[in-house]
N, C-alpha and C. Protein backbone atom coordinates (compact mmCIF):
# COMPACT_ATOMS: atom_id res chain seq x y z
N UNK A 1 119.63 115.28 97.27
CA UNK A 1 118.98 114.34 96.35
C UNK A 1 118.32 113.23 97.15
N UNK A 2 117.04 112.98 96.88
CA UNK A 2 116.29 111.98 97.63
C UNK A 2 116.75 110.57 97.28
N UNK A 3 116.84 109.72 98.28
CA UNK A 3 117.23 108.34 98.06
C UNK A 3 115.99 107.49 97.77
N UNK A 4 116.23 106.35 97.15
CA UNK A 4 115.15 105.41 96.88
C UNK A 4 115.12 104.39 98.02
N UNK A 5 114.29 104.63 99.00
CA UNK A 5 114.23 103.76 100.17
C UNK A 5 113.43 102.49 99.87
N UNK A 6 114.04 101.35 100.16
CA UNK A 6 113.38 100.07 99.88
C UNK A 6 112.77 99.45 101.14
N UNK A 7 113.22 99.89 102.31
CA UNK A 7 112.73 99.36 103.58
C UNK A 7 112.24 100.50 104.46
N UNK A 8 111.00 100.44 104.89
CA UNK A 8 110.39 101.51 105.68
C UNK A 8 109.96 100.95 107.03
N UNK A 9 110.46 101.56 108.10
CA UNK A 9 110.09 101.17 109.46
C UNK A 9 109.11 102.20 110.01
N UNK A 10 108.08 101.73 110.68
CA UNK A 10 107.07 102.62 111.25
C UNK A 10 106.98 102.46 112.76
N UNK A 11 106.96 103.59 113.45
CA UNK A 11 106.56 103.60 114.85
C UNK A 11 105.07 103.25 114.87
N UNK A 12 104.53 102.93 116.04
CA UNK A 12 103.12 102.54 116.12
C UNK A 12 102.25 103.65 116.69
N UNK A 13 102.36 103.92 117.99
CA UNK A 13 101.53 104.95 118.62
C UNK A 13 101.89 106.33 118.07
N UNK A 14 100.90 107.06 117.59
CA UNK A 14 101.15 108.41 117.10
C UNK A 14 101.64 108.46 115.67
N UNK A 15 101.84 107.29 115.06
CA UNK A 15 102.30 107.24 113.67
C UNK A 15 101.34 106.43 112.82
N UNK A 16 101.02 105.23 113.27
CA UNK A 16 100.02 104.42 112.58
C UNK A 16 98.65 104.55 113.24
N UNK A 17 98.64 104.61 114.57
CA UNK A 17 97.37 104.70 115.28
C UNK A 17 97.36 105.84 116.30
N UNK A 18 96.17 106.34 116.58
CA UNK A 18 95.98 107.34 117.63
C UNK A 18 95.48 106.61 118.86
N UNK A 19 96.40 106.30 119.74
CA UNK A 19 96.09 105.50 120.93
C UNK A 19 96.09 106.33 122.20
N UNK A 20 96.09 107.65 122.06
CA UNK A 20 96.26 108.51 123.23
C UNK A 20 95.21 108.32 124.33
N UNK A 21 93.92 108.14 124.03
CA UNK A 21 92.96 108.00 125.14
C UNK A 21 93.28 106.81 126.05
N UNK A 22 93.55 105.65 125.46
CA UNK A 22 93.85 104.47 126.27
C UNK A 22 95.15 104.60 127.03
N UNK A 23 96.19 105.15 126.38
CA UNK A 23 97.49 105.31 127.03
C UNK A 23 97.39 106.21 128.25
N UNK A 24 96.77 107.37 128.08
CA UNK A 24 96.69 108.33 129.18
C UNK A 24 95.82 107.83 130.32
N UNK A 25 94.76 107.09 130.00
CA UNK A 25 93.93 106.51 131.05
C UNK A 25 94.74 105.53 131.90
N UNK A 26 95.61 104.77 131.24
CA UNK A 26 96.41 103.78 131.96
C UNK A 26 97.53 104.43 132.76
N UNK A 27 98.06 105.55 132.28
CA UNK A 27 99.05 106.31 133.05
C UNK A 27 98.40 106.83 134.32
N UNK A 28 97.21 107.38 134.20
CA UNK A 28 96.49 107.90 135.37
C UNK A 28 96.21 106.77 136.35
N UNK A 29 95.83 105.61 135.85
CA UNK A 29 95.57 104.44 136.70
C UNK A 29 96.81 104.08 137.51
N UNK A 30 97.96 104.04 136.84
CA UNK A 30 99.20 103.67 137.52
C UNK A 30 99.57 104.69 138.59
N UNK A 31 99.43 105.97 138.29
CA UNK A 31 99.77 107.01 139.25
C UNK A 31 98.83 107.00 140.44
N UNK A 32 97.54 106.76 140.20
CA UNK A 32 96.57 106.70 141.29
C UNK A 32 96.88 105.51 142.21
N UNK A 33 97.26 104.38 141.61
CA UNK A 33 97.60 103.19 142.40
C UNK A 33 98.81 103.45 143.29
N UNK A 34 99.70 104.31 142.85
CA UNK A 34 100.92 104.62 143.62
C UNK A 34 100.75 105.88 144.47
N UNK A 35 99.51 106.41 144.48
CA UNK A 35 99.22 107.62 145.26
C UNK A 35 100.12 108.78 144.86
N UNK A 36 100.36 108.91 143.56
CA UNK A 36 101.18 109.99 143.03
C UNK A 36 100.30 111.02 142.34
N UNK A 37 100.75 112.25 142.37
CA UNK A 37 100.02 113.32 141.73
C UNK A 37 100.05 113.14 140.22
N UNK A 38 98.90 113.36 139.59
CA UNK A 38 98.81 113.26 138.13
C UNK A 38 99.28 114.58 137.53
N UNK A 39 100.27 114.56 136.64
CA UNK A 39 100.80 115.81 136.06
C UNK A 39 99.75 116.56 135.26
N UNK A 40 100.00 117.83 135.03
CA UNK A 40 99.12 118.61 134.17
C UNK A 40 99.16 118.02 132.77
N UNK A 41 98.16 118.37 131.97
CA UNK A 41 97.97 117.73 130.67
C UNK A 41 99.20 117.82 129.77
N UNK A 42 99.88 118.96 129.78
CA UNK A 42 101.05 119.13 128.91
C UNK A 42 102.12 118.10 129.21
N UNK A 43 102.40 117.89 130.50
CA UNK A 43 103.39 116.89 130.88
C UNK A 43 102.87 115.47 130.66
N UNK A 44 101.59 115.26 130.94
CA UNK A 44 101.00 113.94 130.76
C UNK A 44 101.12 113.49 129.31
N UNK A 45 100.95 114.43 128.39
CA UNK A 45 101.06 114.09 126.97
C UNK A 45 102.47 113.66 126.58
N UNK A 46 103.44 113.95 127.44
CA UNK A 46 104.80 113.51 127.18
C UNK A 46 104.94 112.00 127.20
N UNK A 47 103.96 111.30 127.80
CA UNK A 47 103.98 109.84 127.84
C UNK A 47 103.69 109.23 126.47
N UNK A 48 103.19 110.02 125.56
CA UNK A 48 102.81 109.51 124.24
C UNK A 48 104.05 109.40 123.36
N UNK A 49 104.64 108.23 123.34
CA UNK A 49 105.80 108.02 122.49
C UNK A 49 106.95 107.32 123.17
N UNK A 50 107.66 107.98 124.10
CA UNK A 50 108.85 107.37 124.72
C UNK A 50 108.49 106.16 125.59
N UNK A 51 109.48 105.34 125.95
CA UNK A 51 109.23 104.21 126.84
C UNK A 51 108.70 104.66 128.19
N UNK A 52 107.93 103.79 128.83
CA UNK A 52 107.26 104.14 130.08
C UNK A 52 108.22 104.50 131.21
N UNK A 53 109.26 103.71 131.41
CA UNK A 53 110.19 103.97 132.52
C UNK A 53 110.82 105.35 132.35
N UNK A 54 111.20 105.69 131.12
CA UNK A 54 111.74 107.03 130.85
C UNK A 54 110.72 108.10 131.23
N UNK A 55 109.46 107.92 130.82
CA UNK A 55 108.44 108.94 131.05
C UNK A 55 108.08 109.10 132.52
N UNK A 56 107.94 107.99 133.23
CA UNK A 56 107.63 108.09 134.66
C UNK A 56 108.77 108.75 135.43
N UNK A 57 109.98 108.51 134.97
CA UNK A 57 111.14 109.14 135.61
C UNK A 57 111.22 110.61 135.27
N UNK A 58 111.07 110.92 133.98
CA UNK A 58 111.24 112.28 133.47
C UNK A 58 110.11 113.22 133.91
N UNK A 59 108.88 112.74 133.85
CA UNK A 59 107.73 113.62 134.07
C UNK A 59 107.11 113.52 135.46
N UNK A 60 107.46 112.47 136.22
CA UNK A 60 106.87 112.29 137.54
C UNK A 60 107.91 112.26 138.65
N UNK A 61 109.16 112.42 138.30
CA UNK A 61 110.22 112.47 139.30
C UNK A 61 110.45 111.18 140.05
N UNK A 62 110.13 110.05 139.43
CA UNK A 62 110.29 108.76 140.10
C UNK A 62 111.72 108.26 140.01
N UNK A 63 112.08 107.43 140.95
CA UNK A 63 113.35 106.71 140.86
C UNK A 63 113.18 105.62 139.81
N UNK A 64 114.27 105.06 139.30
CA UNK A 64 114.14 103.97 138.32
C UNK A 64 113.29 102.81 138.84
N UNK A 65 113.45 102.45 140.11
CA UNK A 65 112.67 101.35 140.67
C UNK A 65 111.19 101.71 140.73
N UNK A 66 110.87 102.93 141.16
CA UNK A 66 109.47 103.37 141.20
C UNK A 66 108.89 103.41 139.79
N UNK A 67 109.69 103.85 138.84
CA UNK A 67 109.23 103.93 137.45
C UNK A 67 108.92 102.55 136.90
N UNK A 68 109.73 101.56 137.24
CA UNK A 68 109.46 100.19 136.79
C UNK A 68 108.17 99.65 137.41
N UNK A 69 107.94 100.00 138.67
CA UNK A 69 106.71 99.58 139.34
C UNK A 69 105.50 100.23 138.67
N UNK A 70 105.62 101.52 138.36
CA UNK A 70 104.53 102.23 137.70
C UNK A 70 104.27 101.64 136.31
N UNK A 71 105.33 101.26 135.61
CA UNK A 71 105.17 100.67 134.28
C UNK A 71 104.42 99.35 134.36
N UNK A 72 104.68 98.56 135.39
CA UNK A 72 103.98 97.29 135.57
C UNK A 72 102.48 97.54 135.82
N UNK A 73 102.18 98.54 136.63
CA UNK A 73 100.78 98.88 136.90
C UNK A 73 100.10 99.35 135.61
N UNK A 74 100.83 100.13 134.83
CA UNK A 74 100.31 100.60 133.55
C UNK A 74 99.95 99.41 132.66
N UNK A 75 100.87 98.46 132.55
CA UNK A 75 100.64 97.31 131.67
C UNK A 75 99.49 96.45 132.18
N UNK A 76 99.32 96.43 133.48
CA UNK A 76 98.20 95.69 134.09
C UNK A 76 96.88 96.19 133.53
N UNK A 77 96.77 97.51 133.38
CA UNK A 77 95.54 98.09 132.85
C UNK A 77 95.51 98.07 131.32
N UNK A 78 96.67 98.27 130.70
CA UNK A 78 96.71 98.46 129.25
C UNK A 78 96.44 97.19 128.46
N UNK A 79 96.67 96.03 129.06
CA UNK A 79 96.47 94.79 128.31
C UNK A 79 95.04 94.66 127.80
N UNK A 80 94.09 95.30 128.50
CA UNK A 80 92.69 95.27 128.05
C UNK A 80 92.28 96.57 127.34
N UNK A 81 93.21 97.52 127.25
CA UNK A 81 92.89 98.83 126.69
C UNK A 81 93.59 99.13 125.37
N UNK A 82 94.45 98.23 124.90
CA UNK A 82 95.31 98.57 123.77
C UNK A 82 94.55 98.80 122.46
N UNK A 83 93.33 98.27 122.35
CA UNK A 83 92.54 98.55 121.15
C UNK A 83 91.31 99.39 121.46
N UNK A 84 91.01 99.56 122.76
CA UNK A 84 89.88 100.39 123.16
C UNK A 84 90.33 101.85 123.14
N UNK A 85 89.59 102.70 122.50
CA UNK A 85 89.99 104.10 122.42
C UNK A 85 91.16 104.30 121.47
N UNK A 86 91.42 103.33 120.64
CA UNK A 86 92.52 103.40 119.67
C UNK A 86 91.91 103.43 118.27
N UNK A 87 92.55 104.12 117.36
CA UNK A 87 92.03 104.17 115.99
C UNK A 87 93.17 104.35 115.00
N UNK A 88 92.96 103.82 113.81
CA UNK A 88 93.94 103.97 112.74
C UNK A 88 93.80 105.37 112.17
N UNK A 89 94.92 106.07 112.00
CA UNK A 89 94.85 107.41 111.41
C UNK A 89 94.30 107.33 109.99
N UNK A 90 93.54 108.34 109.61
CA UNK A 90 93.01 108.40 108.24
C UNK A 90 94.15 108.36 107.23
N UNK A 91 94.02 107.48 106.26
CA UNK A 91 95.02 107.40 105.20
C UNK A 91 96.13 106.40 105.44
N UNK A 92 96.25 105.86 106.66
CA UNK A 92 97.33 104.92 106.96
C UNK A 92 97.15 103.60 106.22
N UNK A 93 95.95 103.06 106.21
CA UNK A 93 95.72 101.79 105.53
C UNK A 93 96.10 101.92 104.06
N UNK A 94 95.66 103.01 103.43
CA UNK A 94 95.97 103.23 102.02
C UNK A 94 97.47 103.40 101.79
N UNK A 95 98.14 104.09 102.71
CA UNK A 95 99.59 104.27 102.62
C UNK A 95 100.31 102.92 102.64
N UNK A 96 99.98 102.09 103.61
CA UNK A 96 100.62 100.79 103.72
C UNK A 96 100.33 99.91 102.51
N UNK A 97 99.11 99.98 102.04
CA UNK A 97 98.72 99.19 100.87
C UNK A 97 99.52 99.61 99.63
N UNK A 98 99.67 100.91 99.44
CA UNK A 98 100.43 101.41 98.29
C UNK A 98 101.90 101.01 98.38
N UNK A 99 102.49 101.14 99.55
CA UNK A 99 103.90 100.79 99.71
C UNK A 99 104.11 99.29 99.52
N UNK A 100 103.20 98.50 100.05
CA UNK A 100 103.29 97.05 99.91
C UNK A 100 103.16 96.65 98.44
N UNK A 101 102.21 97.24 97.75
CA UNK A 101 102.01 96.93 96.33
C UNK A 101 103.22 97.34 95.48
N UNK A 102 103.96 98.35 95.96
CA UNK A 102 105.15 98.81 95.24
C UNK A 102 106.38 97.96 95.55
N UNK A 103 106.21 96.96 96.41
CA UNK A 103 107.31 96.06 96.73
C UNK A 103 108.24 96.54 97.83
N UNK A 104 107.82 97.54 98.60
CA UNK A 104 108.64 98.02 99.71
C UNK A 104 108.58 97.02 100.87
N UNK A 105 109.69 96.88 101.58
CA UNK A 105 109.74 96.04 102.77
C UNK A 105 109.30 96.89 103.97
N UNK A 106 108.26 96.47 104.66
CA UNK A 106 107.70 97.26 105.75
C UNK A 106 107.82 96.52 107.08
N UNK A 107 108.08 97.30 108.14
CA UNK A 107 108.16 96.73 109.48
C UNK A 107 107.67 97.75 110.49
N UNK A 108 107.20 97.25 111.63
CA UNK A 108 106.85 98.09 112.77
C UNK A 108 108.02 98.01 113.75
N UNK A 109 108.47 99.17 114.22
CA UNK A 109 109.53 99.23 115.23
C UNK A 109 109.01 100.11 116.37
N UNK A 110 108.56 99.48 117.45
CA UNK A 110 107.92 100.20 118.55
C UNK A 110 108.49 99.76 119.89
N UNK A 111 108.50 100.65 120.85
CA UNK A 111 108.93 100.29 122.20
C UNK A 111 107.77 99.73 123.01
N UNK A 112 106.60 99.64 122.40
CA UNK A 112 105.46 98.98 123.05
C UNK A 112 105.77 97.48 123.17
N UNK A 113 105.33 96.82 124.25
CA UNK A 113 105.56 95.38 124.36
C UNK A 113 105.08 94.61 123.14
N UNK A 114 105.84 93.60 122.75
CA UNK A 114 105.56 92.84 121.53
C UNK A 114 104.13 92.32 121.46
N UNK A 115 103.64 91.76 122.56
CA UNK A 115 102.30 91.17 122.54
C UNK A 115 101.24 92.23 122.25
N UNK A 116 101.43 93.45 122.73
CA UNK A 116 100.48 94.53 122.47
C UNK A 116 100.56 94.98 121.02
N UNK A 117 101.78 95.10 120.53
CA UNK A 117 101.96 95.53 119.14
C UNK A 117 101.30 94.54 118.18
N UNK A 118 101.50 93.25 118.44
CA UNK A 118 100.88 92.22 117.60
C UNK A 118 99.36 92.32 117.63
N UNK A 119 98.83 92.53 118.82
CA UNK A 119 97.37 92.60 118.98
C UNK A 119 96.79 93.78 118.22
N UNK A 120 97.49 94.91 118.24
CA UNK A 120 96.99 96.12 117.58
C UNK A 120 97.03 95.99 116.06
N UNK A 121 98.14 95.52 115.50
CA UNK A 121 98.20 95.42 114.03
C UNK A 121 97.24 94.36 113.50
N UNK A 122 96.98 93.34 114.29
CA UNK A 122 96.00 92.33 113.90
C UNK A 122 94.58 92.91 113.96
N UNK A 123 94.31 93.66 115.01
CA UNK A 123 92.97 94.24 115.20
C UNK A 123 92.60 95.17 114.05
N UNK A 124 93.57 95.96 113.58
CA UNK A 124 93.30 96.92 112.51
C UNK A 124 93.55 96.34 111.11
N UNK A 125 93.81 95.04 111.04
CA UNK A 125 93.99 94.33 109.77
C UNK A 125 95.11 94.93 108.92
N UNK A 126 96.21 95.29 109.58
CA UNK A 126 97.35 95.82 108.82
C UNK A 126 98.60 94.94 108.97
N UNK A 127 98.49 93.88 109.74
CA UNK A 127 99.65 93.00 109.93
C UNK A 127 100.12 92.41 108.61
N UNK A 128 99.17 92.19 107.68
CA UNK A 128 99.48 91.58 106.38
C UNK A 128 100.46 92.41 105.57
N UNK A 129 100.60 93.70 105.89
CA UNK A 129 101.50 94.56 105.13
C UNK A 129 102.95 94.50 105.65
N UNK A 130 103.14 93.95 106.83
CA UNK A 130 104.46 94.00 107.48
C UNK A 130 105.19 92.66 107.41
N UNK A 131 106.47 92.75 107.05
CA UNK A 131 107.32 91.56 107.07
C UNK A 131 107.81 91.28 108.49
N UNK A 132 107.75 92.29 109.35
CA UNK A 132 108.16 92.13 110.75
C UNK A 132 107.44 93.14 111.62
N UNK A 133 107.07 92.71 112.82
CA UNK A 133 106.50 93.60 113.83
C UNK A 133 107.38 93.43 115.07
N UNK A 134 108.15 94.46 115.41
CA UNK A 134 109.14 94.36 116.48
C UNK A 134 108.81 95.30 117.63
N UNK A 135 108.69 94.72 118.82
CA UNK A 135 108.42 95.50 120.02
C UNK A 135 109.35 95.07 121.14
N UNK A 136 109.01 95.50 122.35
CA UNK A 136 109.80 95.17 123.52
C UNK A 136 109.34 93.84 124.12
N UNK A 137 110.15 93.30 125.02
CA UNK A 137 109.78 92.09 125.75
C UNK A 137 108.56 92.40 126.62
N UNK A 138 107.82 91.37 127.08
CA UNK A 138 106.60 91.59 127.88
C UNK A 138 106.82 92.47 129.11
N UNK A 139 108.00 92.42 129.70
CA UNK A 139 108.27 93.22 130.90
C UNK A 139 108.80 94.61 130.55
N UNK A 140 108.82 94.93 129.24
CA UNK A 140 109.29 96.25 128.82
C UNK A 140 110.78 96.32 128.60
N UNK A 141 111.50 95.22 128.86
CA UNK A 141 112.94 95.22 128.64
C UNK A 141 113.22 95.13 127.14
N UNK A 142 114.43 95.38 126.76
CA UNK A 142 114.82 95.39 125.35
C UNK A 142 113.97 96.38 124.58
N UNK A 143 113.55 97.47 125.25
CA UNK A 143 112.65 98.41 124.62
C UNK A 143 113.28 99.73 124.24
N UNK A 144 114.60 99.78 124.21
CA UNK A 144 115.27 101.01 123.76
C UNK A 144 115.06 101.13 122.25
N UNK A 145 114.75 102.35 121.79
CA UNK A 145 114.31 102.51 120.40
C UNK A 145 115.32 102.01 119.38
N UNK A 146 116.58 102.35 119.59
CA UNK A 146 117.60 101.89 118.65
C UNK A 146 117.63 100.36 118.58
N UNK A 147 117.37 99.72 119.71
CA UNK A 147 117.38 98.26 119.75
C UNK A 147 116.28 97.65 118.90
N UNK A 148 115.05 98.18 119.01
CA UNK A 148 113.96 97.61 118.21
C UNK A 148 114.14 97.95 116.73
N UNK A 149 114.76 99.08 116.44
CA UNK A 149 115.04 99.42 115.05
C UNK A 149 116.04 98.42 114.46
N UNK A 150 117.10 98.14 115.20
CA UNK A 150 118.09 97.15 114.73
C UNK A 150 117.43 95.78 114.52
N UNK A 151 116.56 95.41 115.45
CA UNK A 151 115.87 94.13 115.35
C UNK A 151 115.01 94.07 114.09
N UNK A 152 114.31 95.17 113.81
CA UNK A 152 113.45 95.21 112.62
C UNK A 152 114.28 95.10 111.34
N UNK A 153 115.39 95.81 111.28
CA UNK A 153 116.26 95.77 110.10
C UNK A 153 116.79 94.35 109.88
N UNK A 154 117.18 93.73 110.97
CA UNK A 154 117.70 92.36 110.88
C UNK A 154 116.64 91.40 110.37
N UNK A 155 115.40 91.55 110.87
CA UNK A 155 114.33 90.66 110.44
C UNK A 155 113.93 90.89 108.98
N UNK A 156 114.12 92.10 108.50
CA UNK A 156 113.83 92.38 107.09
C UNK A 156 114.95 91.85 106.19
N UNK A 157 116.10 91.58 106.77
CA UNK A 157 117.21 91.06 105.99
C UNK A 157 117.92 92.12 105.16
N UNK A 158 117.80 93.37 105.58
CA UNK A 158 118.43 94.48 104.85
C UNK A 158 119.84 94.71 105.38
N UNK A 159 120.79 94.79 104.49
CA UNK A 159 122.19 95.01 104.90
C UNK A 159 122.68 96.41 104.56
N UNK A 160 122.05 97.07 103.62
CA UNK A 160 122.43 98.43 103.23
C UNK A 160 121.58 99.42 104.02
N UNK A 161 122.16 100.02 105.07
CA UNK A 161 121.39 100.94 105.91
C UNK A 161 120.93 102.18 105.15
N UNK A 162 121.58 102.48 104.04
CA UNK A 162 121.17 103.63 103.24
C UNK A 162 119.83 103.43 102.57
N UNK A 163 119.32 102.21 102.59
CA UNK A 163 118.03 101.91 101.98
C UNK A 163 116.88 101.95 102.98
N UNK A 164 117.19 102.26 104.25
CA UNK A 164 116.19 102.17 105.32
C UNK A 164 115.75 103.56 105.79
N UNK A 165 114.43 103.72 105.98
CA UNK A 165 113.85 104.97 106.47
C UNK A 165 112.97 104.66 107.67
N UNK A 166 113.23 105.34 108.79
CA UNK A 166 112.39 105.22 109.99
C UNK A 166 111.38 106.35 110.02
N UNK A 167 110.10 106.01 110.19
CA UNK A 167 109.03 107.01 110.24
C UNK A 167 108.40 107.01 111.64
N UNK A 168 108.41 108.17 112.29
CA UNK A 168 107.85 108.25 113.63
C UNK A 168 107.40 109.66 113.97
N UNK A 169 106.80 109.83 115.13
CA UNK A 169 106.22 111.13 115.49
C UNK A 169 106.92 111.84 116.64
N UNK A 170 107.87 111.17 117.32
CA UNK A 170 108.51 111.77 118.48
C UNK A 170 110.03 111.81 118.31
N UNK A 171 110.66 112.64 119.14
CA UNK A 171 112.12 112.77 119.12
C UNK A 171 112.81 111.43 119.32
N UNK A 172 112.17 110.57 120.10
CA UNK A 172 112.76 109.27 120.41
C UNK A 172 112.96 108.44 119.15
N UNK A 173 112.02 108.55 118.20
CA UNK A 173 112.13 107.82 116.94
C UNK A 173 113.30 108.34 116.11
N UNK A 174 113.44 109.65 116.10
CA UNK A 174 114.50 110.28 115.30
C UNK A 174 115.87 109.96 115.91
N UNK A 175 115.97 110.08 117.22
CA UNK A 175 117.24 109.79 117.89
C UNK A 175 117.62 108.32 117.73
N UNK A 176 116.64 107.44 117.80
CA UNK A 176 116.90 106.02 117.63
C UNK A 176 117.44 105.71 116.24
N UNK A 177 116.84 106.36 115.23
CA UNK A 177 117.31 106.17 113.85
C UNK A 177 118.74 106.65 113.69
N UNK A 178 119.06 107.78 114.29
CA UNK A 178 120.42 108.32 114.20
C UNK A 178 121.44 107.39 114.85
N UNK A 179 121.08 106.79 115.97
CA UNK A 179 121.99 105.87 116.65
C UNK A 179 122.31 104.66 115.78
N UNK A 180 121.32 104.24 115.01
CA UNK A 180 121.50 103.06 114.16
C UNK A 180 122.19 103.43 112.84
N UNK A 181 122.06 104.71 112.44
CA UNK A 181 122.69 105.17 111.21
C UNK A 181 121.79 105.11 109.99
N UNK A 182 120.47 105.30 110.21
CA UNK A 182 119.53 105.31 109.09
C UNK A 182 118.83 106.66 109.01
N UNK A 183 118.19 106.91 107.88
CA UNK A 183 117.44 108.16 107.69
C UNK A 183 116.15 108.13 108.50
N UNK A 184 115.65 109.31 108.82
CA UNK A 184 114.43 109.40 109.63
C UNK A 184 113.45 110.41 109.05
N UNK A 185 112.17 110.12 109.24
CA UNK A 185 111.10 111.02 108.81
C UNK A 185 110.15 111.22 109.98
N UNK A 186 109.80 112.47 110.26
CA UNK A 186 108.86 112.77 111.32
C UNK A 186 107.50 113.08 110.75
N UNK A 187 106.44 112.71 111.48
CA UNK A 187 105.07 113.01 111.05
C UNK A 187 104.45 114.00 112.02
N UNK A 188 103.80 115.00 111.46
CA UNK A 188 103.23 116.08 112.27
C UNK A 188 101.85 115.77 112.82
N UNK A 189 101.24 114.66 112.37
CA UNK A 189 99.89 114.34 112.84
C UNK A 189 99.91 113.50 114.11
N UNK A 190 101.10 113.24 114.65
CA UNK A 190 101.21 112.43 115.86
C UNK A 190 101.27 113.25 117.12
N UNK A 191 102.10 112.83 118.08
CA UNK A 191 102.11 113.41 119.42
C UNK A 191 103.27 114.36 119.70
N UNK A 192 104.09 114.61 118.70
CA UNK A 192 105.23 115.49 118.91
C UNK A 192 104.83 116.92 119.22
N UNK A 193 105.65 117.61 120.00
CA UNK A 193 105.39 119.01 120.30
C UNK A 193 105.93 119.89 119.19
N UNK A 194 105.45 121.13 119.07
CA UNK A 194 105.93 122.02 118.01
C UNK A 194 107.44 122.15 118.01
N UNK A 195 108.05 121.92 116.87
CA UNK A 195 109.49 122.06 116.73
C UNK A 195 110.30 120.87 117.20
N UNK A 196 109.65 119.89 117.81
CA UNK A 196 110.36 118.74 118.39
C UNK A 196 111.12 117.93 117.33
N UNK A 197 110.46 117.65 116.22
CA UNK A 197 111.07 116.82 115.18
C UNK A 197 112.23 117.53 114.49
N UNK A 198 112.05 118.83 114.28
CA UNK A 198 113.13 119.61 113.68
C UNK A 198 114.34 119.65 114.61
N UNK A 199 114.09 119.86 115.89
CA UNK A 199 115.17 119.93 116.87
C UNK A 199 115.92 118.60 116.96
N UNK A 200 115.18 117.51 116.84
CA UNK A 200 115.78 116.18 116.91
C UNK A 200 116.61 115.86 115.67
N UNK A 201 116.37 116.62 114.59
CA UNK A 201 117.15 116.42 113.37
C UNK A 201 116.57 115.47 112.37
N UNK A 202 115.23 115.41 112.29
CA UNK A 202 114.58 114.55 111.30
C UNK A 202 115.04 114.94 109.89
N UNK A 203 115.32 113.96 109.06
CA UNK A 203 115.76 114.23 107.69
C UNK A 203 114.61 114.75 106.83
N UNK A 204 113.40 114.28 107.13
CA UNK A 204 112.21 114.69 106.39
C UNK A 204 111.07 114.87 107.38
N UNK A 205 110.11 115.71 107.04
CA UNK A 205 108.94 115.90 107.89
C UNK A 205 107.69 115.93 107.00
N UNK A 206 106.68 115.16 107.39
CA UNK A 206 105.45 115.05 106.60
C UNK A 206 104.23 115.40 107.45
N UNK A 207 103.22 115.95 106.80
CA UNK A 207 102.02 116.34 107.52
C UNK A 207 100.86 115.37 107.33
N UNK A 208 101.02 114.38 106.46
CA UNK A 208 99.93 113.43 106.22
C UNK A 208 100.48 112.12 105.66
N UNK A 209 99.72 111.02 105.81
CA UNK A 209 100.12 109.75 105.20
C UNK A 209 100.27 109.86 103.69
N UNK A 210 99.45 110.66 103.07
CA UNK A 210 99.54 110.84 101.61
C UNK A 210 100.89 111.43 101.21
N UNK A 211 101.39 112.39 101.99
CA UNK A 211 102.69 112.97 101.71
C UNK A 211 103.81 111.95 101.81
N UNK A 212 103.68 111.04 102.79
CA UNK A 212 104.68 109.99 102.95
C UNK A 212 104.71 109.12 101.70
N UNK A 213 103.54 108.72 101.25
CA UNK A 213 103.45 107.86 100.06
C UNK A 213 104.02 108.54 98.83
N UNK A 214 103.66 109.80 98.62
CA UNK A 214 104.13 110.53 97.44
C UNK A 214 105.65 110.66 97.45
N UNK A 215 106.20 110.90 98.63
CA UNK A 215 107.65 111.03 98.75
C UNK A 215 108.37 109.72 98.45
N UNK A 216 107.93 108.65 99.08
CA UNK A 216 108.61 107.37 98.92
C UNK A 216 108.45 106.80 97.52
N UNK A 217 107.29 107.00 96.92
CA UNK A 217 106.99 106.39 95.63
C UNK A 217 107.29 107.26 94.42
N UNK A 218 107.65 108.53 94.66
CA UNK A 218 107.91 109.42 93.53
C UNK A 218 109.24 109.12 92.85
C-alpha cells in the first residue's frame, strides 16, 4: 500500500538537472593536471552521482590523499562550469511546481558543495520551490549522502521518517536513504546503469518526472 509522502527530497545531478558535460570536463581537467590516465567512457560516467573522493578512488585507483587532491582540482574548474553545459530535465519545473502547490515539503539533498548547489537552483529558478537546499561543505567534507539527507530532514522539521521520500538516480541515493531509514525512489532518466537502482533496493522506480508527480499526488 502506497504511503502519503509529505516531504520529498531530491538529488540534484542526474535527477533535477543533466550536468554531465560540465562534470566530465572537470574530471578530465583534474586527471590531466595530475598526469593520470583518463578512464574509458564507461568508467568515467561513474563519476556522475557519487562523491568525488569516492569516484577518484574507485575508478582511478587513487589513494585517499590523491583523491582529495584531484577533488580540489575538479572544484577549481567546476566553480565556473556548474551552470555551463547544465540543463533542467524536461518536466522537472512542472513537477516541482505541482508538488509545491499541493503543499508538499521539498528539499534538495546533494553531495555537491553547498555553494554550487545554491548557484544551480537559483540559476534555473527552482530555489523558490525548496524549503531547504542541503549540500556538502566547500571542501567537500560532510558530503556523505546519509549526512545530507539527515540535514535536509532536520531543516524541513519533519519528525516522522515514514513521511519522507528520497528521489535520486544512483545507488548512492538509495543506500543513503536506507541508512537514514526513509523510503527511496529511483529515476531512470538520470545516470544510473541498467539494473543499478533495482540492485540497490529502491522502493519505487520512475521513468519520467510526470510519473513521479502522478505517484506522489494520486
